[in-house]
């Protein structure tokens, strides 16, 4: 296996582990939401957990596409016990920013390896993560604010 391919597989495994941790994180957050806005926020968090699981599936499929073994590990799990909506959103923002960083690193490796397949995969996920970051940014704004807080 080439050095670049090994680096791509290692990065894909890091992405897989990160996304699996996100499934746990978003699911946990959904249990901890209380108050008047509970139903739509829980729905959004559970949708985020489902989408994050899809990202994990895709990373695992990419790894096996190259004939390699997906990690059975899980990324860092953060429990701050800060369960108000604002803190949940801030932690979610940190998680999404860490994820997009991994995808940018994968994109760089794909360009070096000249793998259009991996490059397109990374670009697609970067676009999805940027959308998630934008959604969280909008939720962190006070009503009537237009300027980004990110």
N, C-alpha and C. Protein backbone atom coordinates (compact mmCIF):
# COMPACT_ATOMS: atom_id res chain seq x y z
N UNK A 1 0.85 -1.18 0.00
CA UNK A 1 0.00 0.00 0.00
C UNK A 1 0.90 1.24 0.00
N UNK A 2 0.56 2.18 -0.87
CA UNK A 2 1.36 3.41 -0.94
C UNK A 2 1.21 4.22 0.34
N UNK A 3 2.16 5.09 0.58
CA UNK A 3 2.13 5.94 1.76
C UNK A 3 0.88 6.82 1.76
N UNK A 4 0.54 7.37 0.58
CA UNK A 4 -0.64 8.23 0.48
C UNK A 4 -1.92 7.43 0.74
N UNK A 5 -1.99 6.22 0.17
CA UNK A 5 -3.18 5.39 0.39
C UNK A 5 -3.32 5.03 1.86
N UNK A 6 -2.22 4.69 2.51
CA UNK A 6 -2.27 4.38 3.94
C UNK A 6 -2.74 5.59 4.74
N UNK A 7 -2.31 6.78 4.35
CA UNK A 7 -2.74 8.00 5.04
C UNK A 7 -4.23 8.25 4.81
N UNK A 8 -4.71 7.96 3.60
CA UNK A 8 -6.14 8.11 3.31
C UNK A 8 -6.95 7.16 4.16
N UNK A 9 -6.52 5.91 4.25
CA UNK A 9 -7.24 4.92 5.07
C UNK A 9 -7.23 5.35 6.54
N UNK A 10 -6.10 5.81 7.03
CA UNK A 10 -6.02 6.27 8.43
C UNK A 10 -6.97 7.43 8.67
N UNK A 11 -7.05 8.36 7.70
CA UNK A 11 -7.94 9.52 7.86
C UNK A 11 -9.40 9.08 7.78
N UNK A 12 -9.70 8.14 6.89
CA UNK A 12 -11.07 7.62 6.82
C UNK A 12 -11.46 6.92 8.11
N UNK A 13 -10.53 6.20 8.73
CA UNK A 13 -10.82 5.57 10.02
C UNK A 13 -11.04 6.62 11.10
N UNK A 14 -10.27 7.70 11.08
CA UNK A 14 -10.47 8.79 12.04
C UNK A 14 -11.85 9.42 11.83
N UNK A 15 -12.25 9.57 10.57
CA UNK A 15 -13.58 10.11 10.26
C UNK A 15 -14.66 9.16 10.75
N UNK A 16 -14.50 7.88 10.49
CA UNK A 16 -15.46 6.87 10.96
C UNK A 16 -15.64 6.96 12.47
N UNK A 17 -14.55 7.00 13.20
CA UNK A 17 -14.62 7.07 14.66
C UNK A 17 -15.26 8.38 15.13
N UNK A 18 -14.92 9.48 14.47
CA UNK A 18 -15.50 10.78 14.82
C UNK A 18 -17.02 10.77 14.60
N UNK A 19 -17.44 10.26 13.45
CA UNK A 19 -18.87 10.24 13.13
C UNK A 19 -19.64 9.32 14.08
N UNK A 20 -19.05 8.18 14.45
CA UNK A 20 -19.72 7.29 15.40
C UNK A 20 -19.88 7.97 16.77
N UNK A 21 -18.87 8.72 17.17
CA UNK A 21 -18.99 9.48 18.42
C UNK A 21 -20.11 10.52 18.29
N UNK A 22 -20.28 11.08 17.11
CA UNK A 22 -21.34 12.05 16.88
C UNK A 22 -22.72 11.44 17.03
N UNK A 23 -22.88 10.20 16.61
CA UNK A 23 -24.17 9.51 16.78
C UNK A 23 -24.51 9.45 18.26
N UNK A 24 -23.54 9.05 19.07
CA UNK A 24 -23.76 8.96 20.52
C UNK A 24 -24.04 10.35 21.10
N UNK A 25 -23.25 11.32 20.70
CA UNK A 25 -23.38 12.68 21.21
C UNK A 25 -24.77 13.25 20.91
N UNK A 26 -25.18 13.22 19.64
CA UNK A 26 -26.47 13.80 19.27
C UNK A 26 -27.63 13.04 19.90
N UNK A 27 -27.50 11.73 20.02
CA UNK A 27 -28.55 10.94 20.68
C UNK A 27 -28.65 11.33 22.15
N UNK A 28 -27.52 11.43 22.82
CA UNK A 28 -27.52 11.84 24.23
C UNK A 28 -28.14 13.22 24.40
N UNK A 29 -27.72 14.16 23.55
CA UNK A 29 -28.29 15.51 23.64
C UNK A 29 -29.82 15.45 23.51
N UNK A 30 -30.32 14.61 22.63
CA UNK A 30 -31.77 14.56 22.42
C UNK A 30 -32.51 14.12 23.67
N UNK A 31 -31.87 13.34 24.53
CA UNK A 31 -32.50 12.93 25.78
C UNK A 31 -32.54 14.07 26.80
N UNK A 32 -31.62 15.00 26.67
CA UNK A 32 -31.41 16.01 27.70
C UNK A 32 -32.10 17.35 27.44
N UNK A 33 -32.93 17.43 26.41
CA UNK A 33 -33.62 18.68 26.08
C UNK A 33 -34.96 18.73 26.80
N UNK A 34 -35.19 19.84 27.49
CA UNK A 34 -36.44 20.06 28.20
C UNK A 34 -36.95 21.46 27.89
N UNK A 35 -38.21 21.69 28.11
CA UNK A 35 -38.77 23.02 27.93
C UNK A 35 -39.73 23.08 26.75
N UNK A 36 -40.19 24.29 26.49
CA UNK A 36 -41.22 24.53 25.47
C UNK A 36 -40.80 24.11 24.07
N UNK A 37 -39.54 24.22 23.77
CA UNK A 37 -39.07 23.94 22.41
C UNK A 37 -38.56 22.51 22.25
N UNK A 38 -38.84 21.64 23.21
CA UNK A 38 -38.28 20.30 23.23
C UNK A 38 -38.53 19.52 21.94
N UNK A 39 -39.76 19.47 21.49
CA UNK A 39 -40.11 18.58 20.38
C UNK A 39 -39.33 18.92 19.10
N UNK A 40 -39.29 20.17 18.63
CA UNK A 40 -38.52 20.41 17.40
C UNK A 40 -37.02 20.26 17.59
N UNK A 41 -36.51 20.58 18.77
CA UNK A 41 -35.07 20.45 19.00
C UNK A 41 -34.67 18.98 19.07
N UNK A 42 -35.47 18.17 19.76
CA UNK A 42 -35.19 16.74 19.83
C UNK A 42 -35.24 16.14 18.42
N UNK A 43 -36.21 16.56 17.65
CA UNK A 43 -36.32 16.08 16.27
C UNK A 43 -35.06 16.44 15.47
N UNK A 44 -34.58 17.67 15.60
CA UNK A 44 -33.39 18.10 14.88
C UNK A 44 -32.17 17.29 15.34
N UNK A 45 -32.02 17.09 16.65
CA UNK A 45 -30.87 16.34 17.17
C UNK A 45 -30.89 14.89 16.70
N UNK A 46 -32.06 14.28 16.69
CA UNK A 46 -32.15 12.88 16.25
C UNK A 46 -31.92 12.76 14.75
N UNK A 47 -32.35 13.78 14.00
CA UNK A 47 -32.04 13.82 12.57
C UNK A 47 -30.54 13.95 12.36
N UNK A 48 -29.89 14.78 13.18
CA UNK A 48 -28.44 14.94 13.10
C UNK A 48 -27.74 13.61 13.43
N UNK A 49 -28.26 12.87 14.41
CA UNK A 49 -27.68 11.57 14.77
C UNK A 49 -27.80 10.59 13.59
N UNK A 50 -28.95 10.60 12.93
CA UNK A 50 -29.16 9.71 11.79
C UNK A 50 -28.23 10.08 10.64
N UNK A 51 -28.09 11.37 10.36
CA UNK A 51 -27.21 11.81 9.27
C UNK A 51 -25.75 11.49 9.60
N UNK A 52 -25.38 11.65 10.86
CA UNK A 52 -24.02 11.34 11.29
C UNK A 52 -23.74 9.85 11.14
N UNK A 53 -24.73 9.01 11.43
CA UNK A 53 -24.58 7.57 11.23
C UNK A 53 -24.39 7.26 9.74
N UNK A 54 -25.11 7.96 8.89
CA UNK A 54 -24.92 7.80 7.45
C UNK A 54 -23.50 8.17 7.04
N UNK A 55 -22.97 9.24 7.63
CA UNK A 55 -21.58 9.63 7.34
C UNK A 55 -20.62 8.52 7.79
N UNK A 56 -20.89 7.91 8.94
CA UNK A 56 -20.05 6.80 9.41
C UNK A 56 -20.14 5.63 8.45
N UNK A 57 -21.36 5.31 8.01
CA UNK A 57 -21.52 4.22 7.04
C UNK A 57 -20.70 4.49 5.78
N UNK A 58 -20.79 5.72 5.29
CA UNK A 58 -20.06 6.07 4.06
C UNK A 58 -18.56 5.95 4.23
N UNK A 59 -18.05 6.38 5.37
CA UNK A 59 -16.61 6.27 5.63
C UNK A 59 -16.19 4.80 5.68
N UNK A 60 -16.99 3.97 6.35
CA UNK A 60 -16.68 2.53 6.41
C UNK A 60 -16.71 1.89 5.03
N UNK A 61 -17.67 2.29 4.21
CA UNK A 61 -17.75 1.76 2.85
C UNK A 61 -16.55 2.19 2.01
N UNK A 62 -16.10 3.42 2.22
CA UNK A 62 -14.90 3.89 1.50
C UNK A 62 -13.69 3.03 1.88
N UNK A 63 -13.57 2.75 3.17
CA UNK A 63 -12.43 1.95 3.65
C UNK A 63 -12.46 0.56 3.03
N UNK A 64 -13.63 -0.09 3.04
CA UNK A 64 -13.69 -1.44 2.47
C UNK A 64 -13.59 -1.42 0.95
N UNK A 65 -13.96 -0.31 0.32
CA UNK A 65 -13.76 -0.17 -1.14
C UNK A 65 -12.29 -0.37 -1.49
N UNK A 66 -11.41 0.14 -0.61
CA UNK A 66 -9.97 0.02 -0.84
C UNK A 66 -9.40 -1.29 -0.29
N UNK A 67 -10.28 -2.19 0.16
CA UNK A 67 -9.81 -3.49 0.64
C UNK A 67 -9.18 -3.43 2.02
N UNK A 68 -9.55 -2.45 2.79
CA UNK A 68 -8.98 -2.28 4.13
C UNK A 68 -10.05 -2.52 5.20
N UNK A 69 -9.62 -2.52 6.44
CA UNK A 69 -10.47 -2.88 7.57
C UNK A 69 -10.90 -1.63 8.34
N UNK A 70 -12.22 -1.38 8.44
CA UNK A 70 -12.70 -0.23 9.21
C UNK A 70 -12.44 -0.39 10.70
N UNK A 71 -12.14 0.70 11.33
CA UNK A 71 -11.92 0.71 12.78
C UNK A 71 -13.20 0.35 13.52
N UNK A 72 -13.04 -0.29 14.65
CA UNK A 72 -14.18 -0.56 15.53
C UNK A 72 -14.19 0.43 16.69
N UNK A 73 -13.25 1.37 16.66
CA UNK A 73 -13.16 2.38 17.72
C UNK A 73 -14.22 3.45 17.57
N UNK A 74 -14.28 4.27 18.57
CA UNK A 74 -15.19 5.41 18.57
C UNK A 74 -14.40 6.62 19.03
N UNK A 75 -14.70 7.76 18.43
CA UNK A 75 -14.00 8.99 18.77
C UNK A 75 -14.29 9.46 20.17
N UNK A 76 -13.70 10.58 20.51
CA UNK A 76 -13.83 11.16 21.84
C UNK A 76 -15.29 11.49 22.14
N UNK A 77 -15.71 11.07 23.31
CA UNK A 77 -17.06 11.40 23.79
C UNK A 77 -16.93 12.45 24.88
N UNK A 78 -17.66 13.52 24.71
CA UNK A 78 -17.58 14.65 25.61
C UNK A 78 -18.83 14.71 26.47
N UNK A 79 -18.68 14.74 27.77
CA UNK A 79 -19.81 14.92 28.67
C UNK A 79 -19.49 16.08 29.58
N UNK A 80 -20.08 17.22 29.26
CA UNK A 80 -19.81 18.41 30.06
C UNK A 80 -20.88 18.63 31.11
N UNK A 81 -21.97 17.87 31.02
CA UNK A 81 -23.13 18.05 31.90
C UNK A 81 -23.72 19.44 31.80
N UNK A 82 -23.45 20.11 30.70
CA UNK A 82 -24.02 21.43 30.41
C UNK A 82 -25.12 21.21 29.38
N UNK A 83 -26.35 21.01 29.84
CA UNK A 83 -27.39 20.56 28.93
C UNK A 83 -28.42 21.62 28.56
N UNK A 84 -28.10 22.89 28.75
CA UNK A 84 -29.03 23.88 28.22
C UNK A 84 -28.80 23.95 26.71
N UNK A 85 -29.78 24.39 25.99
CA UNK A 85 -29.75 24.36 24.53
C UNK A 85 -28.54 25.11 23.98
N UNK A 86 -28.23 26.27 24.55
CA UNK A 86 -27.10 27.05 24.05
C UNK A 86 -25.80 26.25 24.13
N UNK A 87 -25.55 25.61 25.25
CA UNK A 87 -24.32 24.82 25.40
C UNK A 87 -24.32 23.59 24.49
N UNK A 88 -25.47 22.97 24.33
CA UNK A 88 -25.57 21.83 23.41
C UNK A 88 -25.22 22.28 22.00
N UNK A 89 -25.72 23.45 21.60
CA UNK A 89 -25.41 23.96 20.27
C UNK A 89 -23.93 24.32 20.13
N UNK A 90 -23.35 24.92 21.17
CA UNK A 90 -21.92 25.24 21.11
C UNK A 90 -21.08 23.98 20.99
N UNK A 91 -21.42 22.94 21.74
CA UNK A 91 -20.69 21.67 21.65
C UNK A 91 -20.90 21.03 20.27
N UNK A 92 -22.10 21.14 19.75
CA UNK A 92 -22.39 20.62 18.41
C UNK A 92 -21.57 21.35 17.36
N UNK A 93 -21.44 22.65 17.53
CA UNK A 93 -20.63 23.46 16.61
C UNK A 93 -19.17 23.01 16.64
N UNK A 94 -18.64 22.79 17.83
CA UNK A 94 -17.26 22.30 17.96
C UNK A 94 -17.10 20.95 17.27
N UNK A 95 -18.07 20.08 17.47
CA UNK A 95 -18.04 18.75 16.85
C UNK A 95 -18.03 18.86 15.33
N UNK A 96 -18.91 19.70 14.79
CA UNK A 96 -19.00 19.85 13.33
C UNK A 96 -17.73 20.47 12.76
N UNK A 97 -17.15 21.43 13.47
CA UNK A 97 -15.90 22.04 13.01
C UNK A 97 -14.76 21.03 13.02
N UNK A 98 -14.72 20.16 14.02
CA UNK A 98 -13.70 19.11 14.05
C UNK A 98 -13.90 18.15 12.88
N UNK A 99 -15.15 17.84 12.58
CA UNK A 99 -15.45 16.95 11.46
C UNK A 99 -15.04 17.54 10.13
N UNK A 100 -15.37 18.80 9.92
CA UNK A 100 -15.02 19.42 8.64
C UNK A 100 -13.51 19.49 8.48
N UNK A 101 -12.80 19.67 9.58
CA UNK A 101 -11.34 19.68 9.53
C UNK A 101 -10.81 18.32 9.05
N UNK A 102 -11.40 17.24 9.54
CA UNK A 102 -11.00 15.90 9.09
C UNK A 102 -11.25 15.73 7.60
N UNK A 103 -12.38 16.21 7.12
CA UNK A 103 -12.69 16.08 5.69
C UNK A 103 -11.76 16.93 4.83
N UNK A 104 -11.37 18.11 5.32
CA UNK A 104 -10.40 18.92 4.58
C UNK A 104 -9.04 18.21 4.52
N UNK A 105 -8.66 17.57 5.62
CA UNK A 105 -7.40 16.80 5.62
C UNK A 105 -7.47 15.64 4.62
N UNK A 106 -8.64 14.98 4.58
CA UNK A 106 -8.82 13.90 3.62
C UNK A 106 -8.75 14.43 2.19
N UNK A 107 -9.35 15.59 1.95
CA UNK A 107 -9.30 16.19 0.62
C UNK A 107 -7.86 16.45 0.19
N UNK A 108 -7.06 16.96 1.09
CA UNK A 108 -5.65 17.23 0.78
C UNK A 108 -4.92 15.94 0.42
N UNK A 109 -5.19 14.89 1.18
CA UNK A 109 -4.56 13.59 0.88
C UNK A 109 -5.04 13.06 -0.47
N UNK A 110 -6.32 13.23 -0.77
CA UNK A 110 -6.88 12.73 -2.04
C UNK A 110 -6.25 13.44 -3.23
N UNK A 111 -6.02 14.74 -3.09
CA UNK A 111 -5.37 15.50 -4.17
C UNK A 111 -3.95 14.98 -4.37
N UNK A 112 -3.23 14.75 -3.27
CA UNK A 112 -1.86 14.23 -3.37
C UNK A 112 -1.85 12.85 -4.04
N UNK A 113 -2.84 12.03 -3.73
CA UNK A 113 -2.92 10.67 -4.27
C UNK A 113 -3.51 10.67 -5.68
N UNK A 114 -4.06 11.81 -6.09
CA UNK A 114 -4.74 11.94 -7.39
C UNK A 114 -5.90 10.97 -7.48
N UNK A 115 -6.68 10.92 -6.39
CA UNK A 115 -7.87 10.07 -6.34
C UNK A 115 -9.11 10.95 -6.44
N UNK A 116 -9.66 11.03 -7.65
CA UNK A 116 -10.88 11.81 -7.86
C UNK A 116 -12.02 11.23 -7.02
N UNK A 117 -12.07 9.91 -6.90
CA UNK A 117 -13.11 9.24 -6.12
C UNK A 117 -13.12 9.76 -4.68
N UNK A 118 -11.97 9.75 -4.02
CA UNK A 118 -11.88 10.22 -2.64
C UNK A 118 -12.06 11.73 -2.58
N UNK A 119 -11.52 12.42 -3.56
CA UNK A 119 -11.64 13.88 -3.59
C UNK A 119 -13.11 14.30 -3.66
N UNK A 120 -13.88 13.68 -4.53
CA UNK A 120 -15.30 14.03 -4.65
C UNK A 120 -16.07 13.67 -3.37
N UNK A 121 -15.73 12.54 -2.78
CA UNK A 121 -16.34 12.15 -1.50
C UNK A 121 -16.06 13.22 -0.44
N UNK A 122 -14.81 13.64 -0.32
CA UNK A 122 -14.43 14.63 0.68
C UNK A 122 -15.14 15.95 0.41
N UNK A 123 -15.19 16.37 -0.84
CA UNK A 123 -15.87 17.64 -1.18
C UNK A 123 -17.35 17.60 -0.82
N UNK A 124 -17.99 16.48 -1.11
CA UNK A 124 -19.42 16.34 -0.78
C UNK A 124 -19.65 16.46 0.73
N UNK A 125 -18.81 15.80 1.51
CA UNK A 125 -18.96 15.84 2.96
C UNK A 125 -18.60 17.20 3.52
N UNK A 126 -17.64 17.88 2.94
CA UNK A 126 -17.30 19.24 3.37
C UNK A 126 -18.51 20.14 3.16
N UNK A 127 -19.16 20.02 2.01
CA UNK A 127 -20.35 20.83 1.74
C UNK A 127 -21.45 20.54 2.75
N UNK A 128 -21.67 19.27 3.07
CA UNK A 128 -22.69 18.91 4.06
C UNK A 128 -22.34 19.46 5.44
N UNK A 129 -21.07 19.34 5.83
CA UNK A 129 -20.66 19.84 7.15
C UNK A 129 -20.76 21.37 7.21
N UNK A 130 -20.43 22.05 6.11
CA UNK A 130 -20.58 23.51 6.09
C UNK A 130 -22.04 23.90 6.27
N UNK A 131 -22.93 23.13 5.69
CA UNK A 131 -24.37 23.38 5.86
C UNK A 131 -24.78 23.20 7.32
N UNK A 132 -24.26 22.14 7.96
CA UNK A 132 -24.57 21.90 9.38
C UNK A 132 -24.06 23.05 10.24
N UNK A 133 -22.84 23.49 9.97
CA UNK A 133 -22.26 24.60 10.73
C UNK A 133 -23.12 25.85 10.54
N UNK A 134 -23.58 26.08 9.33
CA UNK A 134 -24.45 27.23 9.06
C UNK A 134 -25.76 27.14 9.82
N UNK A 135 -26.35 25.94 9.88
CA UNK A 135 -27.60 25.76 10.62
C UNK A 135 -27.40 26.04 12.11
N UNK A 136 -26.32 25.52 12.66
CA UNK A 136 -26.05 25.73 14.08
C UNK A 136 -25.78 27.20 14.35
N UNK A 137 -25.03 27.84 13.47
CA UNK A 137 -24.77 29.27 13.59
C UNK A 137 -26.08 30.05 13.66
N UNK A 138 -27.01 29.74 12.78
CA UNK A 138 -28.30 30.43 12.77
C UNK A 138 -29.08 30.18 14.06
N UNK A 139 -28.98 28.97 14.60
CA UNK A 139 -29.69 28.67 15.85
C UNK A 139 -29.07 29.38 17.04
N UNK A 140 -27.78 29.68 16.95
CA UNK A 140 -27.11 30.38 18.05
C UNK A 140 -27.37 31.89 18.05
N UNK A 141 -27.89 32.41 16.94
CA UNK A 141 -28.17 33.84 16.86
C UNK A 141 -29.44 34.19 17.64
N UNK A 142 -29.45 35.37 18.17
CA UNK A 142 -30.65 35.88 18.84
C UNK A 142 -31.67 36.26 17.77
N UNK A 143 -32.98 36.14 18.08
CA UNK A 143 -33.99 36.53 17.10
C UNK A 143 -33.73 37.97 16.62
N UNK A 144 -33.77 38.14 15.31
CA UNK A 144 -33.55 39.44 14.72
C UNK A 144 -32.11 39.71 14.31
N UNK A 145 -31.16 38.91 14.82
CA UNK A 145 -29.76 39.06 14.43
C UNK A 145 -29.54 38.44 13.07
N UNK A 146 -28.79 39.11 12.24
CA UNK A 146 -28.48 38.56 10.92
C UNK A 146 -27.04 38.12 10.84
N UNK A 147 -26.14 38.85 11.51
CA UNK A 147 -24.72 38.57 11.43
C UNK A 147 -24.39 37.21 12.04
N UNK A 148 -23.46 36.51 11.40
CA UNK A 148 -23.00 35.22 11.87
C UNK A 148 -22.30 35.36 13.22
N UNK A 149 -22.47 34.33 14.07
CA UNK A 149 -21.76 34.32 15.35
C UNK A 149 -20.55 33.40 15.30
N UNK A 150 -20.40 32.67 14.20
CA UNK A 150 -19.30 31.70 14.07
C UNK A 150 -18.04 32.41 13.68
